[in-house]
N, C-alpha and C. Protein backbone atom coordinates (compact mmCIF):
# COMPACT_ATOMS: atom_id res chain seq x y z
N MET A 1 13.89 186.85 108.24
CA MET A 1 14.86 188.16 107.84
C MET A 1 15.63 188.31 106.57
N GLN A 2 15.44 189.24 105.55
CA GLN A 2 15.78 189.50 104.80
C GLN A 2 17.25 189.81 105.07
N LEU A 3 18.48 188.94 104.17
CA LEU A 3 19.88 189.64 104.47
C LEU A 3 20.27 190.22 102.91
N ARG A 4 20.89 191.20 103.07
CA ARG A 4 21.69 191.83 101.77
C ARG A 4 22.94 192.17 101.87
N VAL A 5 23.71 192.12 101.08
CA VAL A 5 25.04 192.79 101.22
C VAL A 5 24.91 193.71 99.59
N VAL A 6 25.45 194.99 100.27
CA VAL A 6 25.58 196.12 99.21
C VAL A 6 26.62 196.59 99.35
N THR A 7 27.19 197.17 98.18
CA THR A 7 28.74 197.72 97.98
C THR A 7 28.98 199.14 97.71
N SER A 8 27.52 199.69 98.33
CA SER A 8 27.32 201.42 98.48
C SER A 8 28.29 201.75 99.70
N GLN A 9 28.62 203.17 99.70
CA GLN A 9 29.07 203.80 100.75
C GLN A 9 28.22 203.70 101.91
N PRO A 10 28.51 203.45 102.84
CA PRO A 10 27.86 203.63 104.23
C PRO A 10 26.81 205.04 104.32
N TRP A 11 27.20 206.01 103.75
CA TRP A 11 26.19 207.18 103.78
C TRP A 11 25.48 207.25 102.89
N ASP A 12 25.40 206.24 102.08
CA ASP A 12 24.05 206.58 101.04
C ASP A 12 23.29 205.36 101.29
N VAL A 13 23.47 204.16 102.57
CA VAL A 13 22.44 203.34 102.61
C VAL A 13 21.19 203.69 103.78
N LYS A 14 20.16 203.25 102.97
CA LYS A 14 19.11 203.35 103.78
C LYS A 14 18.69 202.66 104.51
N ALA A 15 18.69 202.86 106.12
CA ALA A 15 17.95 201.85 106.89
C ALA A 15 17.57 202.60 108.20
N ASP A 16 17.00 201.89 109.10
CA ASP A 16 16.56 202.53 110.22
C ASP A 16 17.73 202.83 111.11
N VAL A 17 18.96 202.26 110.89
CA VAL A 17 19.91 202.32 112.02
C VAL A 17 21.27 201.80 111.13
N LEU A 18 22.44 202.50 110.86
CA LEU A 18 23.72 202.46 110.43
C LEU A 18 24.19 202.48 111.41
N ALA A 19 24.94 200.82 111.70
CA ALA A 19 26.12 200.92 112.68
C ALA A 19 27.63 200.81 112.23
N ILE A 20 28.23 201.71 112.80
CA ILE A 20 29.67 202.20 112.41
C ILE A 20 30.71 201.46 113.37
N PRO A 21 31.61 201.06 113.20
CA PRO A 21 32.53 200.30 113.82
C PRO A 21 33.64 201.33 114.07
N VAL A 22 34.16 201.19 114.92
CA VAL A 22 35.43 202.11 115.55
C VAL A 22 36.46 201.11 115.75
N VAL A 23 37.79 200.88 115.19
CA VAL A 23 38.78 199.97 115.48
C VAL A 23 39.71 201.23 116.00
N GLY A 24 40.10 200.97 117.15
CA GLY A 24 41.11 201.61 117.68
C GLY A 24 40.68 203.39 118.17
N ASP A 25 41.54 204.19 118.32
CA ASP A 25 41.14 205.66 118.45
C ASP A 25 40.35 206.09 117.42
N PRO A 26 39.04 206.91 117.28
CA PRO A 26 38.77 207.56 116.22
C PRO A 26 39.58 208.35 115.55
N ALA A 27 39.83 208.13 114.00
CA ALA A 27 41.03 209.03 113.32
C ALA A 27 40.06 210.07 112.60
N PHE A 28 38.72 210.00 112.36
CA PHE A 28 37.95 211.28 111.59
C PHE A 28 38.48 211.52 110.41
N ASP A 29 39.12 210.48 109.65
CA ASP A 29 39.50 210.89 108.32
C ASP A 29 39.27 209.85 107.37
N GLY A 30 39.38 209.92 106.08
CA GLY A 30 38.99 209.16 105.08
C GLY A 30 37.21 208.86 105.09
N PRO A 31 36.89 207.55 104.71
CA PRO A 31 35.65 207.55 104.94
C PRO A 31 34.83 207.58 106.48
N GLN A 32 35.65 207.62 107.39
CA GLN A 32 35.15 208.05 108.95
C GLN A 32 35.12 209.56 108.78
N GLY A 33 35.86 210.19 108.37
CA GLY A 33 35.76 211.64 108.21
C GLY A 33 34.60 212.15 107.38
N GLU A 34 34.37 211.33 106.31
CA GLU A 34 33.06 211.62 105.75
C GLU A 34 31.89 211.52 106.55
N LEU A 35 32.11 210.34 107.11
CA LEU A 35 30.67 210.14 108.16
C LEU A 35 30.31 211.10 109.23
N VAL A 36 31.50 211.49 109.62
CA VAL A 36 31.77 212.72 110.62
C VAL A 36 30.44 213.87 109.90
N ARG A 37 31.35 214.46 108.71
CA ARG A 37 30.65 215.61 107.70
C ARG A 37 29.32 215.44 107.75
N ARG A 38 29.00 214.28 107.19
CA ARG A 38 27.56 214.39 106.93
C ARG A 38 26.57 214.12 107.98
N SER A 39 27.16 213.60 109.50
CA SER A 39 26.38 213.34 110.33
C SER A 39 26.27 214.82 111.27
N GLY A 40 27.01 215.88 110.41
CA GLY A 40 26.63 217.32 111.27
C GLY A 40 27.87 217.30 111.84
N GLY A 41 28.91 216.78 112.23
CA GLY A 41 30.02 216.72 113.21
C GLY A 41 29.39 215.70 114.51
N GLU A 42 28.35 215.08 114.85
CA GLU A 42 28.05 214.26 115.31
C GLU A 42 28.89 213.08 116.09
N LEU A 43 29.47 212.37 115.40
CA LEU A 43 30.47 211.49 115.57
C LEU A 43 31.57 212.18 116.50
N LYS A 44 32.11 213.34 115.88
CA LYS A 44 33.44 213.89 116.85
C LYS A 44 32.94 214.36 118.18
N ALA A 45 31.78 214.91 118.16
CA ALA A 45 31.28 215.56 119.33
C ALA A 45 31.06 214.52 120.21
N LEU A 46 30.47 213.35 119.72
CA LEU A 46 30.32 212.13 120.90
C LEU A 46 31.76 211.64 121.24
N ALA A 47 32.91 211.74 120.75
CA ALA A 47 34.01 211.68 121.36
C ALA A 47 34.67 212.55 121.80
N ALA A 48 34.50 213.90 121.61
CA ALA A 48 35.14 214.94 122.50
C ALA A 48 34.36 215.01 124.16
N PHE A 49 33.05 214.33 123.95
CA PHE A 49 32.24 214.15 125.08
C PHE A 49 32.63 212.97 126.05
N GLY A 50 33.23 212.26 125.37
CA GLY A 50 33.66 210.82 125.95
C GLY A 50 32.75 209.62 125.90
N GLU A 51 31.69 209.83 124.96
CA GLU A 51 30.74 209.21 124.90
C GLU A 51 31.19 208.02 123.88
N LEU A 52 31.95 208.22 122.92
CA LEU A 52 32.60 207.39 121.89
C LEU A 52 34.28 207.08 122.34
N THR A 53 34.36 205.81 122.44
CA THR A 53 35.52 205.52 122.63
C THR A 53 36.03 204.28 122.00
N ALA A 54 37.43 204.02 122.09
CA ALA A 54 37.70 202.61 121.72
C ALA A 54 37.45 201.28 122.16
N LYS A 55 37.08 201.38 123.49
CA LYS A 55 36.72 200.42 124.40
C LYS A 55 35.90 199.19 123.49
N ARG A 56 36.22 198.31 123.55
CA ARG A 56 35.47 197.02 122.87
C ARG A 56 33.96 196.90 123.45
N TYR A 57 33.21 196.70 122.73
CA TYR A 57 31.58 196.82 122.92
C TYR A 57 31.26 197.82 123.43
N SER A 58 31.60 199.17 123.31
CA SER A 58 30.97 200.28 123.88
C SER A 58 30.28 200.67 122.78
N THR A 59 29.20 201.45 123.34
CA THR A 59 28.11 201.81 122.07
C THR A 59 27.82 202.83 122.61
N ALA A 60 27.31 204.02 121.34
CA ALA A 60 26.75 205.11 121.45
C ALA A 60 25.72 205.16 120.30
N LEU A 61 24.58 205.66 120.54
CA LEU A 61 23.73 206.00 119.66
C LEU A 61 23.53 207.53 119.39
N ALA A 62 23.35 208.03 118.00
CA ALA A 62 23.32 209.26 117.53
C ALA A 62 22.27 209.59 116.78
N THR A 63 22.18 210.83 116.52
CA THR A 63 21.30 211.42 115.27
C THR A 63 22.38 210.98 114.02
N SER A 64 21.70 211.09 112.72
CA SER A 64 22.32 210.77 111.69
C SER A 64 22.37 212.25 110.87
N GLY A 65 21.79 213.20 110.92
CA GLY A 65 22.22 214.37 109.99
C GLY A 65 21.76 214.38 108.81
N ASP A 66 22.70 214.25 107.89
CA ASP A 66 22.34 213.96 106.28
C ASP A 66 22.68 212.78 105.87
N LEU A 67 22.88 211.88 106.79
CA LEU A 67 22.90 210.38 106.24
C LEU A 67 21.31 209.96 106.14
N SER A 68 21.60 208.76 104.92
CA SER A 68 20.55 208.13 104.63
C SER A 68 19.95 207.49 105.61
N ALA A 69 20.99 206.86 106.61
CA ALA A 69 19.84 205.74 107.70
C ALA A 69 19.29 207.12 108.98
N GLY A 70 18.42 206.30 109.62
CA GLY A 70 17.56 207.08 110.38
C GLY A 70 18.61 207.27 111.71
N ARG A 71 18.88 206.68 112.23
CA ARG A 71 20.05 206.87 113.12
C ARG A 71 21.37 206.06 113.21
N VAL A 72 22.20 206.15 113.63
CA VAL A 72 23.70 205.91 113.77
C VAL A 72 23.86 205.35 115.32
N LEU A 73 24.42 203.82 115.09
CA LEU A 73 25.00 203.63 116.15
C LEU A 73 26.36 202.76 116.23
N VAL A 74 27.35 203.77 116.56
CA VAL A 74 28.76 203.42 116.72
C VAL A 74 29.12 202.60 117.84
N PHE A 75 29.85 201.83 117.65
CA PHE A 75 30.58 201.03 118.52
C PHE A 75 31.92 200.28 118.19
N GLY A 76 32.50 200.64 119.64
CA GLY A 76 34.05 200.24 119.53
C GLY A 76 34.02 198.90 119.23
N ALA A 77 35.09 198.65 118.62
CA ALA A 77 35.87 197.18 118.30
C ALA A 77 37.33 197.11 119.17
N GLY A 78 37.75 198.00 119.89
CA GLY A 78 38.89 197.73 120.50
C GLY A 78 40.02 197.47 119.46
N GLU A 79 41.36 197.47 120.04
CA GLU A 79 42.65 197.48 119.43
C GLU A 79 42.66 196.65 118.28
N ALA A 80 43.04 197.00 116.88
CA ALA A 80 43.26 196.00 116.01
C ALA A 80 43.99 195.07 116.06
N GLU A 81 44.79 194.92 116.88
CA GLU A 81 45.73 194.00 117.27
C GLU A 81 45.42 192.79 118.01
N LYS A 82 44.24 193.34 118.66
CA LYS A 82 43.83 191.95 119.23
C LYS A 82 41.88 191.71 119.05
N LEU A 83 41.93 192.08 117.60
CA LEU A 83 40.50 191.65 117.24
C LEU A 83 40.69 190.35 116.55
N ASP A 84 39.92 189.27 116.88
CA ASP A 84 40.01 188.16 116.50
C ASP A 84 38.37 187.80 116.11
N ARG A 85 38.31 186.50 115.90
CA ARG A 85 36.78 186.02 115.11
C ARG A 85 35.82 186.18 116.13
N GLU A 86 36.26 185.60 117.21
CA GLU A 86 35.10 185.50 118.11
C GLU A 86 34.77 186.82 118.68
N ALA A 87 35.68 187.76 118.86
CA ALA A 87 35.07 189.28 118.92
C ALA A 87 34.20 189.82 118.06
N VAL A 88 34.63 189.57 116.73
CA VAL A 88 33.83 190.05 115.63
C VAL A 88 32.08 189.11 115.78
N VAL A 89 32.07 188.18 116.31
CA VAL A 89 30.71 187.66 116.83
C VAL A 89 30.24 188.36 117.62
N ARG A 90 30.75 188.69 118.61
CA ARG A 90 30.07 189.15 119.52
C ARG A 90 29.90 190.86 119.45
N ILE A 91 30.77 191.31 118.94
CA ILE A 91 30.22 192.56 118.28
C ILE A 91 29.08 192.84 117.29
N GLY A 92 28.61 191.74 116.51
CA GLY A 92 27.51 191.82 115.83
C GLY A 92 26.48 191.36 116.90
N SER A 93 26.67 190.54 117.78
CA SER A 93 25.82 190.39 118.95
C SER A 93 25.41 191.43 119.52
N SER A 94 26.25 192.19 120.35
CA SER A 94 26.36 193.56 120.85
C SER A 94 25.61 194.43 120.29
N ILE A 95 25.56 194.85 118.63
CA ILE A 95 25.01 195.76 118.14
C ILE A 95 23.49 195.47 118.42
N GLU A 96 23.19 193.85 118.11
CA GLU A 96 21.81 193.68 118.18
C GLU A 96 21.22 193.79 119.32
N ARG A 97 21.82 193.34 120.43
CA ARG A 97 21.29 193.47 121.85
C ARG A 97 21.43 195.13 122.19
N ARG A 98 22.08 195.88 121.64
CA ARG A 98 22.00 197.19 122.23
C ARG A 98 20.89 198.15 121.27
N LEU A 99 20.36 197.39 120.55
CA LEU A 99 18.77 198.07 120.05
C LEU A 99 17.74 197.58 120.61
N GLY A 100 17.98 196.64 121.78
CA GLY A 100 16.80 196.05 122.57
C GLY A 100 15.74 196.91 122.95
N GLY A 101 14.49 196.86 122.67
CA GLY A 101 13.51 197.64 123.19
C GLY A 101 12.98 198.83 122.20
N ARG A 102 13.66 198.91 121.03
CA ARG A 102 13.52 199.70 120.19
C ARG A 102 13.00 198.99 118.79
N LYS A 103 12.36 200.17 118.19
CA LYS A 103 11.65 199.79 116.96
C LYS A 103 12.55 199.80 115.61
N VAL A 104 13.33 198.89 115.31
CA VAL A 104 14.04 198.80 114.31
C VAL A 104 13.78 197.74 113.32
N GLY A 105 13.49 198.28 112.20
CA GLY A 105 12.95 197.29 111.06
C GLY A 105 14.52 196.71 110.51
N SER A 106 15.24 197.83 109.87
CA SER A 106 16.51 197.54 109.11
C SER A 106 17.64 198.08 109.62
N LEU A 107 18.40 197.38 109.88
CA LEU A 107 19.78 197.49 110.27
C LEU A 107 20.92 197.33 109.40
N ALA A 108 22.02 198.33 109.19
CA ALA A 108 23.10 198.17 108.48
C ALA A 108 24.22 198.13 109.03
N ILE A 109 24.90 197.38 108.81
CA ILE A 109 26.54 197.50 109.29
C ILE A 109 27.61 197.73 108.21
N TRP A 110 28.40 198.66 108.54
CA TRP A 110 29.59 199.15 107.66
C TRP A 110 30.72 198.10 108.27
N LEU A 111 31.06 197.17 107.38
CA LEU A 111 31.95 196.00 107.49
C LEU A 111 33.42 196.47 107.49
N THR A 112 33.62 197.40 106.51
CA THR A 112 35.31 197.59 105.75
C THR A 112 36.40 198.01 107.07
N PRO A 113 35.82 198.44 108.20
CA PRO A 113 36.79 198.52 109.41
C PRO A 113 37.28 197.22 110.09
N LEU A 114 36.14 196.60 110.25
CA LEU A 114 36.23 195.20 110.69
C LEU A 114 37.22 194.21 109.74
N SER A 115 36.86 194.40 108.50
CA SER A 115 37.78 193.71 107.55
C SER A 115 39.16 194.12 107.54
N ASP A 116 39.00 195.39 107.40
CA ASP A 116 40.60 195.97 107.57
C ASP A 116 41.43 195.42 108.38
N ALA A 117 40.88 195.11 109.61
CA ALA A 117 41.77 194.97 110.85
C ALA A 117 41.66 193.33 111.04
N LEU A 118 40.75 192.61 110.75
CA LEU A 118 41.11 191.46 111.13
C LEU A 118 41.88 190.60 110.29
N ALA A 119 43.08 189.87 110.80
CA ALA A 119 44.13 189.41 110.14
C ALA A 119 43.75 188.05 109.41
N ASP A 120 42.68 187.32 110.26
CA ASP A 120 42.25 185.86 109.74
C ASP A 120 40.93 185.81 108.95
N GLY A 121 41.32 185.67 107.67
CA GLY A 121 40.07 185.79 106.92
C GLY A 121 39.36 186.96 106.26
N GLY A 122 39.81 188.15 106.54
CA GLY A 122 38.84 189.40 105.71
C GLY A 122 37.76 189.52 105.81
N ALA A 123 37.50 190.18 104.44
CA ALA A 123 35.97 190.60 104.34
C ALA A 123 34.88 189.47 104.29
N THR A 124 35.19 188.00 103.95
CA THR A 124 34.10 187.10 103.67
C THR A 124 34.16 186.67 105.30
N ALA A 125 35.06 186.42 106.07
CA ALA A 125 34.96 185.99 107.27
C ALA A 125 34.28 187.15 108.14
N VAL A 126 34.33 188.38 107.86
CA VAL A 126 33.59 189.43 108.82
C VAL A 126 31.82 189.22 108.35
N ALA A 127 32.03 189.16 106.99
CA ALA A 127 30.70 188.99 106.78
C ALA A 127 29.90 188.02 107.52
N GLU A 128 30.42 186.67 107.44
CA GLU A 128 29.94 185.53 107.97
C GLU A 128 29.94 185.39 109.69
N LEU A 129 30.73 186.30 109.80
CA LEU A 129 30.87 186.44 111.82
C LEU A 129 30.01 187.43 112.21
N VAL A 130 29.82 188.57 111.47
CA VAL A 130 28.90 189.81 111.84
C VAL A 130 27.03 189.08 111.74
N ALA A 131 27.04 188.28 110.50
CA ALA A 131 25.87 188.31 110.34
C ALA A 131 25.62 186.93 111.61
N ARG A 132 26.46 186.31 111.63
CA ARG A 132 26.19 185.00 113.09
C ARG A 132 25.91 185.87 114.10
N GLY A 133 26.66 186.99 114.43
CA GLY A 133 26.38 187.40 115.71
C GLY A 133 25.14 188.02 115.75
N VAL A 134 24.72 188.98 114.59
CA VAL A 134 23.44 189.51 114.77
C VAL A 134 22.64 188.53 114.96
N VAL A 135 22.28 187.51 114.29
CA VAL A 135 21.34 186.65 114.79
C VAL A 135 21.71 185.61 115.95
N GLN A 136 22.51 185.51 116.51
CA GLN A 136 22.41 185.21 117.81
C GLN A 136 22.04 186.14 119.01
N GLY A 137 22.57 187.37 118.62
CA GLY A 137 22.05 188.25 119.59
C GLY A 137 20.53 188.33 119.78
N THR A 138 19.97 188.39 118.28
CA THR A 138 18.56 188.13 118.56
C THR A 138 17.66 187.18 119.70
N TYR A 139 18.50 186.24 119.96
CA TYR A 139 17.99 185.37 121.24
C TYR A 139 17.72 185.86 122.34
N GLU A 140 16.38 185.46 122.88
CA GLU A 140 16.08 185.83 124.14
C GLU A 140 15.09 184.72 124.76
N PRO A 141 16.13 184.06 125.87
CA PRO A 141 15.35 182.65 126.30
C PRO A 141 13.98 182.93 127.20
N GLN A 142 14.00 184.06 127.39
CA GLN A 142 12.48 184.48 128.09
C GLN A 142 11.33 184.36 127.23
N SER A 143 11.30 184.52 126.02
CA SER A 143 10.68 184.40 124.71
C SER A 143 10.06 183.03 124.83
N ILE A 144 10.73 181.82 125.13
CA ILE A 144 10.30 180.62 125.17
C ILE A 144 8.82 180.40 125.89
N TYR A 145 8.71 181.04 126.68
CA TYR A 145 7.26 180.82 127.59
C TYR A 145 6.49 182.17 127.88
N ARG A 146 7.00 183.29 127.23
CA ARG A 146 6.01 184.68 127.51
C ARG A 146 6.09 185.10 125.72
N GLU A 147 4.63 185.63 125.67
CA GLU A 147 4.29 186.24 124.55
C GLU A 147 5.26 187.46 124.09
N SER A 148 5.52 188.16 125.26
CA SER A 148 6.37 189.41 124.87
C SER A 148 7.09 189.73 126.22
N VAL A 149 8.75 190.16 125.52
CA VAL A 149 9.82 190.44 126.82
C VAL A 149 9.97 191.67 126.60
N GLU A 150 9.77 192.40 127.52
CA GLU A 150 10.35 193.84 127.96
C GLU A 150 11.96 194.00 126.99
N GLY A 151 12.07 195.25 126.25
CA GLY A 151 13.45 195.43 126.09
C GLY A 151 14.39 194.14 125.25
N ALA A 152 13.41 193.50 124.76
CA ALA A 152 13.84 192.29 123.61
C ALA A 152 14.64 192.92 122.60
N PRO A 153 15.73 192.11 121.99
CA PRO A 153 16.15 192.47 120.58
C PRO A 153 15.03 192.73 119.54
N PRO A 154 15.33 193.62 118.71
CA PRO A 154 14.14 193.73 117.72
C PRO A 154 14.47 192.80 116.69
N ALA A 155 13.16 192.25 116.30
CA ALA A 155 12.93 191.20 115.40
C ALA A 155 13.15 192.02 114.02
N LEU A 156 14.29 192.01 113.56
CA LEU A 156 14.72 192.75 112.10
C LEU A 156 14.07 192.00 110.98
N ASP A 157 13.40 192.86 110.10
CA ASP A 157 12.95 192.79 108.82
C ASP A 157 14.10 192.54 107.79
N GLU A 158 15.19 193.49 107.84
CA GLU A 158 16.44 193.36 107.14
C GLU A 158 17.82 193.69 107.65
N LEU A 159 18.40 192.83 107.56
CA LEU A 159 20.10 192.87 107.58
C LEU A 159 20.65 193.22 106.58
N ILE A 160 21.43 194.73 106.67
CA ILE A 160 22.36 194.97 105.29
C ILE A 160 23.72 194.94 105.96
N LEU A 161 24.64 194.37 104.90
CA LEU A 161 25.91 194.17 105.16
C LEU A 161 26.51 195.18 104.51
N VAL A 162 27.05 196.37 104.60
CA VAL A 162 27.60 197.55 103.68
C VAL A 162 29.38 197.19 103.69
N ALA A 163 29.49 196.82 102.45
CA ALA A 163 31.06 196.38 101.94
C ALA A 163 31.29 196.94 100.80
N PRO A 164 31.75 197.88 100.53
CA PRO A 164 32.18 199.08 99.43
C PRO A 164 33.79 197.98 99.07
N ASP A 165 33.77 198.25 97.91
CA ASP A 165 34.86 197.60 97.17
C ASP A 165 35.23 195.93 97.13
N ASP A 166 34.20 195.41 97.81
CA ASP A 166 34.34 193.93 98.03
C ASP A 166 33.51 193.29 97.17
N ASP A 167 33.66 191.84 97.18
CA ASP A 167 33.00 191.37 96.08
C ASP A 167 31.57 190.55 96.84
N LYS A 168 30.49 191.02 96.08
CA LYS A 168 29.21 191.13 96.55
C LYS A 168 28.76 189.76 96.93
N ALA A 169 29.07 189.08 96.04
CA ALA A 169 28.09 187.80 95.89
C ALA A 169 28.95 186.57 96.60
N ASP A 170 30.86 186.67 97.23
CA ASP A 170 31.11 186.09 98.06
C ASP A 170 30.83 186.23 99.33
N LEU A 171 30.66 187.67 99.61
CA LEU A 171 30.30 188.01 101.01
C LEU A 171 28.72 187.70 101.29
N GLN A 172 27.87 187.44 100.22
CA GLN A 172 26.19 187.17 100.57
C GLN A 172 26.38 185.74 100.84
N LYS A 173 27.31 184.90 100.05
CA LYS A 173 27.32 183.30 100.54
C LYS A 173 27.94 183.37 102.00
N ALA A 174 28.92 184.28 102.29
CA ALA A 174 29.51 183.93 103.73
C ALA A 174 28.67 184.40 104.79
N ALA A 175 27.89 185.35 104.53
CA ALA A 175 26.82 185.87 105.19
C ALA A 175 25.64 184.73 105.77
N GLU A 176 25.40 184.46 104.41
CA GLU A 176 24.30 183.19 104.69
C GLU A 176 24.78 182.27 105.55
N ARG A 177 25.77 181.64 105.27
CA ARG A 177 26.40 180.61 105.99
C ARG A 177 26.34 181.47 107.67
N GLY A 178 26.59 182.23 107.72
CA GLY A 178 26.77 182.70 109.49
C GLY A 178 25.44 182.38 109.75
N VAL A 179 24.34 183.04 109.32
CA VAL A 179 22.94 182.79 109.54
C VAL A 179 22.25 181.80 109.98
N VAL A 180 23.05 180.63 108.79
CA VAL A 180 22.72 179.17 109.05
C VAL A 180 23.25 178.84 110.30
N ILE A 181 24.28 179.08 110.72
CA ILE A 181 25.23 178.78 111.70
C ILE A 181 24.89 179.15 113.35
N ALA A 182 24.07 180.41 112.93
CA ALA A 182 23.35 180.78 113.99
C ALA A 182 22.06 180.47 114.56
N GLU A 183 21.29 180.31 113.59
CA GLU A 183 20.16 179.69 113.75
C GLU A 183 20.09 178.33 114.19
N GLY A 184 21.18 177.58 113.82
CA GLY A 184 21.37 176.21 114.74
C GLY A 184 21.68 176.15 115.94
N ALA A 185 22.50 177.54 116.24
CA ALA A 185 23.15 177.63 117.70
C ALA A 185 21.78 178.25 118.49
N ASN A 186 20.88 179.06 118.23
CA ASN A 186 19.89 179.43 118.85
C ASN A 186 18.83 178.07 119.05
N MET A 187 18.57 177.31 117.94
CA MET A 187 18.05 176.04 118.41
C MET A 187 18.35 175.23 119.28
N ALA A 188 19.85 174.99 119.50
CA ALA A 188 20.25 174.45 120.45
C ALA A 188 19.90 175.06 121.79
N ARG A 189 20.15 176.53 121.91
CA ARG A 189 19.86 177.07 123.10
C ARG A 189 18.37 176.92 123.57
N THR A 190 17.32 176.89 122.72
CA THR A 190 15.97 176.88 123.04
C THR A 190 15.96 175.42 123.55
N LEU A 191 16.62 174.29 123.15
CA LEU A 191 16.00 172.97 123.58
C LEU A 191 17.06 173.02 125.09
N ALA A 192 18.06 173.70 125.42
CA ALA A 192 18.67 173.40 126.56
C ALA A 192 17.93 174.26 127.61
N ASN A 193 17.01 175.25 127.07
CA ASN A 193 16.61 176.55 128.01
C ASN A 193 15.03 175.76 128.46
N ARG A 194 14.63 174.83 127.32
CA ARG A 194 13.15 174.55 127.92
C ARG A 194 13.11 173.64 129.12
N ALA A 195 11.88 173.52 129.85
CA ALA A 195 11.57 172.70 130.84
C ALA A 195 12.01 171.18 130.28
N SER A 196 12.42 170.44 131.74
CA SER A 196 12.40 169.37 131.67
C SER A 196 11.24 168.48 131.32
N ASN A 197 9.96 168.83 131.81
CA ASN A 197 8.67 168.30 131.65
C ASN A 197 8.14 168.91 130.49
N ASP A 198 8.77 169.51 129.63
CA ASP A 198 8.31 169.99 128.54
C ASP A 198 9.37 169.30 127.22
N VAL A 199 10.38 169.23 127.60
CA VAL A 199 11.43 168.64 126.58
C VAL A 199 11.97 167.56 127.20
N SER A 200 11.56 166.42 126.99
CA SER A 200 12.06 165.04 127.74
C SER A 200 13.56 164.41 126.97
N PRO A 201 14.17 163.77 127.73
CA PRO A 201 15.23 162.98 126.73
C PRO A 201 14.65 162.23 125.75
N ASP A 202 13.31 161.58 126.21
CA ASP A 202 13.33 161.02 124.80
C ASP A 202 12.42 161.77 123.77
N GLY A 203 12.26 162.52 123.93
CA GLY A 203 11.46 163.79 122.84
C GLY A 203 12.56 164.12 122.41
N LEU A 204 13.92 164.87 122.96
CA LEU A 204 14.98 165.41 122.30
C LEU A 204 15.55 164.24 121.57
N SER A 205 15.60 162.93 121.82
CA SER A 205 16.21 162.00 120.83
C SER A 205 15.65 161.85 119.64
N ALA A 206 13.91 161.96 119.84
CA ALA A 206 13.39 161.76 118.93
C ALA A 206 13.38 162.89 117.72
């Protein structure tokens, strides 16, 4: 999987899916308002319908209107005051899991709302934690012994982290660190989930 950090505005980023975080109740002003406008009012309509809420880990897939992305995935990040590092990891995972069974090659995630809300670490922490969460979200234990798993999370060709006005180089390094941590965690999960006659204690220690 290729990992990229871009400093473009989220509505200009080309991807199969653009993930948009909503921290607290949707405000529909500033950049969020621009996303509403360019989506043809779709985000506002989802909120009015009750599909888009502030509840953490809630998600809604929508058409993208005039946005550069093919589809939009809106997800709730909960209240800003309660957003912590573990929640950001889980948000990254939930985005990836929500796309299970769908053909998604490139996924873009707008980091700014999370960076503004996370008190512990800011943009670099969010880049690391989201990247870590997405990679951990790709883990599917059934794939250890099966060639294909129905509804499995997509194997991404590209993960794009969107962070206007932030330092691209710093965020790239942080995100790469998150991927390495996640890959190590997924390897450990695979070893734990394999059958004992497949991975013996002696084999594991070797």
